[in-house]
Amino acid sequence: MAVHFFHCTDGFDFVLDRVGQNTRSRQDLHVAACLVANRMMRALPPGADWSNWVVSVQNRKGRMVDVIPFPVEARAGAQREAA
């Protein structure tokens, strides 16, 4: 099991993950990133533009291991809620 940190950014704003999560596989890493993105979109008021947001996944040493865009279907849902 490895600890990964799931930071969110759109290139301007940045949300730092100081805790991290244990992941066992590449699939776990992707699922965790999608959950982090969905949690962030639900936490902020509707109407935000999530099209440029990604989850930057880093290992314990701070090395980037993956960049995962916010889920397309979740972005569409967030936009529908805002309308």
C-alpha atoms as a PDB file:
ATOM      1  CA  MET A   1       0.000   0.000   0.000  1.00  0.00           C
ATOM      2  CA  ALA A   2       1.233   3.489  -0.840  1.00  0.00           C
ATOM      3  CA  VAL A   3       0.242   6.944   0.355  1.00  0.00           C
ATOM      4  CA  HIS A   4      -0.769   9.407  -2.349  1.00  0.00           C
ATOM      5  CA  PHE A   5      -1.802  13.045  -2.106  1.00  0.00           C
ATOM      6  CA  PHE A   6      -4.660  14.379  -4.229  1.00  0.00           C
ATOM      7  CA  HIS A   7      -4.185  18.094  -4.924  1.00  0.00           C
ATOM      8  CA  CYS A   8      -6.764  19.995  -7.004  1.00  0.00           C
ATOM      9  CA  THR A   9      -5.930  22.857  -9.346  1.00  0.00           C
ATOM     10  CA  ASP A  10      -7.097  24.757 -12.391  1.00  0.00           C
ATOM     11  CA  GLY A  11      -3.684  26.303 -12.982  1.00  0.00           C
ATOM     12  CA  PHE A  12      -4.544  29.374 -10.911  1.00  0.00           C
ATOM     13  CA  ASP A  13      -6.207  28.141  -7.729  1.00  0.00           C
ATOM     14  CA  PHE A  14      -4.801  25.239  -5.742  1.00  0.00           C
ATOM     15  CA  VAL A  15      -6.302  23.035  -3.028  1.00  0.00           C
ATOM     16  CA  LEU A  16      -3.617  21.182  -1.077  1.00  0.00           C
ATOM     17  CA  ASP A  17      -4.170  17.691   0.302  1.00  0.00           C
ATOM     18  CA  ARG A  18      -2.084  17.548   3.496  1.00  0.00           C
ATOM     19  CA  VAL A  19      -3.405  14.166   4.668  1.00  0.00           C
ATOM     20  CA  GLY A  20      -3.209  11.825   1.696  1.00  0.00           C
ATOM     21  CA  GLN A  21      -4.835   8.443   1.222  1.00  0.00           C
ATOM     22  CA  ASN A  22      -3.624   4.857   1.074  1.00  0.00           C
ATOM     23  CA  THR A  23      -4.009   3.273  -2.344  1.00  0.00           C
ATOM     24  CA  ARG A  24      -3.291  -0.280  -3.438  1.00  0.00           C
ATOM     25  CA  SER A  25      -3.519  -0.040  -7.210  1.00  0.00           C
ATOM     26  CA  ARG A  26      -3.691   2.322 -10.157  1.00  0.00           C
ATOM     27  CA  GLN A  27      -7.459   1.780 -10.202  1.00  0.00           C
ATOM     28  CA  ASP A  28      -7.735   2.770  -6.509  1.00  0.00           C
ATOM     29  CA  LEU A  29      -5.739   5.894  -7.314  1.00  0.00           C
ATOM     30  CA  HIS A  30      -8.132   6.864 -10.120  1.00  0.00           C
ATOM     31  CA  VAL A  31     -11.246   6.182  -8.025  1.00  0.00           C
ATOM     32  CA  ALA A  32      -9.846   8.225  -5.121  1.00  0.00           C
ATOM     33  CA  ALA A  33      -9.062  11.137  -7.466  1.00  0.00           C
ATOM     34  CA  CYS A  34     -12.627  11.108  -8.832  1.00  0.00           C
ATOM     35  CA  LEU A  35     -14.053  11.066  -5.307  1.00  0.00           C
ATOM     36  CA  VAL A  36     -11.873  14.026  -4.326  1.00  0.00           C
ATOM     37  CA  ALA A  37     -13.048  15.960  -7.404  1.00  0.00           C
ATOM     38  CA  ASN A  38     -16.716  15.162  -6.737  1.00  0.00           C
ATOM     39  CA  ARG A  39     -16.376  16.165  -3.073  1.00  0.00           C
ATOM     40  CA  MET A  40     -14.852  19.497  -4.036  1.00  0.00           C
ATOM     41  CA  MET A  41     -17.555  20.249  -6.622  1.00  0.00           C
ATOM     42  CA  ARG A  42     -20.278  19.529  -4.057  1.00  0.00           C
ATOM     43  CA  ALA A  43     -18.603  21.682  -1.394  1.00  0.00           C
ATOM     44  CA  LEU A  44     -18.639  24.875  -3.459  1.00  0.00           C
ATOM     45  CA  PRO A  45     -21.642  26.843  -4.693  1.00  0.00           C
ATOM     46  CA  PRO A  46     -23.174  25.686  -7.986  1.00  0.00           C
ATOM     47  CA  GLY A  47     -22.251  27.485 -11.167  1.00  0.00           C
ATOM     48  CA  ALA A  48     -18.483  27.170 -10.883  1.00  0.00           C
ATOM     49  CA  ASP A  49     -16.586  26.352 -14.063  1.00  0.00           C
ATOM     50  CA  TRP A  50     -14.820  23.019 -13.470  1.00  0.00           C
ATOM     51  CA  SER A  51     -13.677  22.523 -17.064  1.00  0.00           C
ATOM     52  CA  ASN A  52     -10.002  23.282 -16.337  1.00  0.00           C
ATOM     53  CA  TRP A  53      -9.744  21.530 -12.979  1.00  0.00           C
ATOM     54  CA  VAL A  54      -7.596  18.451 -12.464  1.00  0.00           C
ATOM     55  CA  VAL A  55      -6.488  16.283  -9.579  1.00  0.00           C
ATOM     56  CA  SER A  56      -2.697  16.173  -9.408  1.00  0.00           C
ATOM     57  CA  VAL A  57      -1.703  12.932  -7.686  1.00  0.00           C
ATOM     58  CA  GLN A  58       1.643  12.899  -5.917  1.00  0.00           C
ATOM     59  CA  ASN A  59       3.477  10.216  -4.005  1.00  0.00           C
ATOM     60  CA  ARG A  60       4.947  10.629  -0.537  1.00  0.00           C
ATOM     61  CA  LYS A  61       8.158  12.092  -1.985  1.00  0.00           C
ATOM     62  CA  GLY A  62       6.197  14.810  -3.810  1.00  0.00           C
ATOM     63  CA  ARG A  63       6.651  13.294  -7.244  1.00  0.00           C
ATOM     64  CA  MET A  64       3.656  13.635  -9.565  1.00  0.00           C
ATOM     65  CA  VAL A  65       2.412  10.185 -10.563  1.00  0.00           C
ATOM     66  CA  ASP A  66      -0.772  11.128 -12.428  1.00  0.00           C
ATOM     67  CA  VAL A  67      -3.002  14.021 -13.461  1.00  0.00           C
ATOM     68  CA  ILE A  68      -6.697  13.216 -13.642  1.00  0.00           C
ATOM     69  CA  PRO A  69      -9.255  15.709 -15.032  1.00  0.00           C
ATOM     70  CA  PHE A  70     -12.374  16.295 -12.988  1.00  0.00           C
ATOM     71  CA  PRO A  71     -15.000  13.766 -14.165  1.00  0.00           C
ATOM     72  CA  VAL A  72     -16.852  14.981 -17.269  1.00  0.00           C
ATOM     73  CA  GLU A  73     -20.217  13.622 -16.116  1.00  0.00           C
ATOM     74  CA  ALA A  74     -19.830  15.324 -12.739  1.00  0.00           C
ATOM     75  CA  ARG A  75     -18.958  18.635 -14.398  1.00  0.00           C
ATOM     76  CA  ALA A  76     -22.072  18.357 -16.566  1.00  0.00           C
ATOM     77  CA  GLY A  77     -24.173  17.572 -13.488  1.00  0.00           C
ATOM     78  CA  ALA A  78     -22.762  20.554 -11.621  1.00  0.00           C
ATOM     79  CA  GLN A  79     -23.572  22.809 -14.582  1.00  0.00           C
ATOM     80  CA  ARG A  80     -27.151  21.458 -14.796  1.00  0.00           C
ATOM     81  CA  GLU A  81     -27.670  22.130 -11.078  1.00  0.00           C
ATOM     82  CA  ALA A  82     -26.526  25.714 -11.584  1.00  0.00           C
ATOM     83  CA  ALA A  83     -29.016  26.316 -14.409  1.00  0.00           C
END
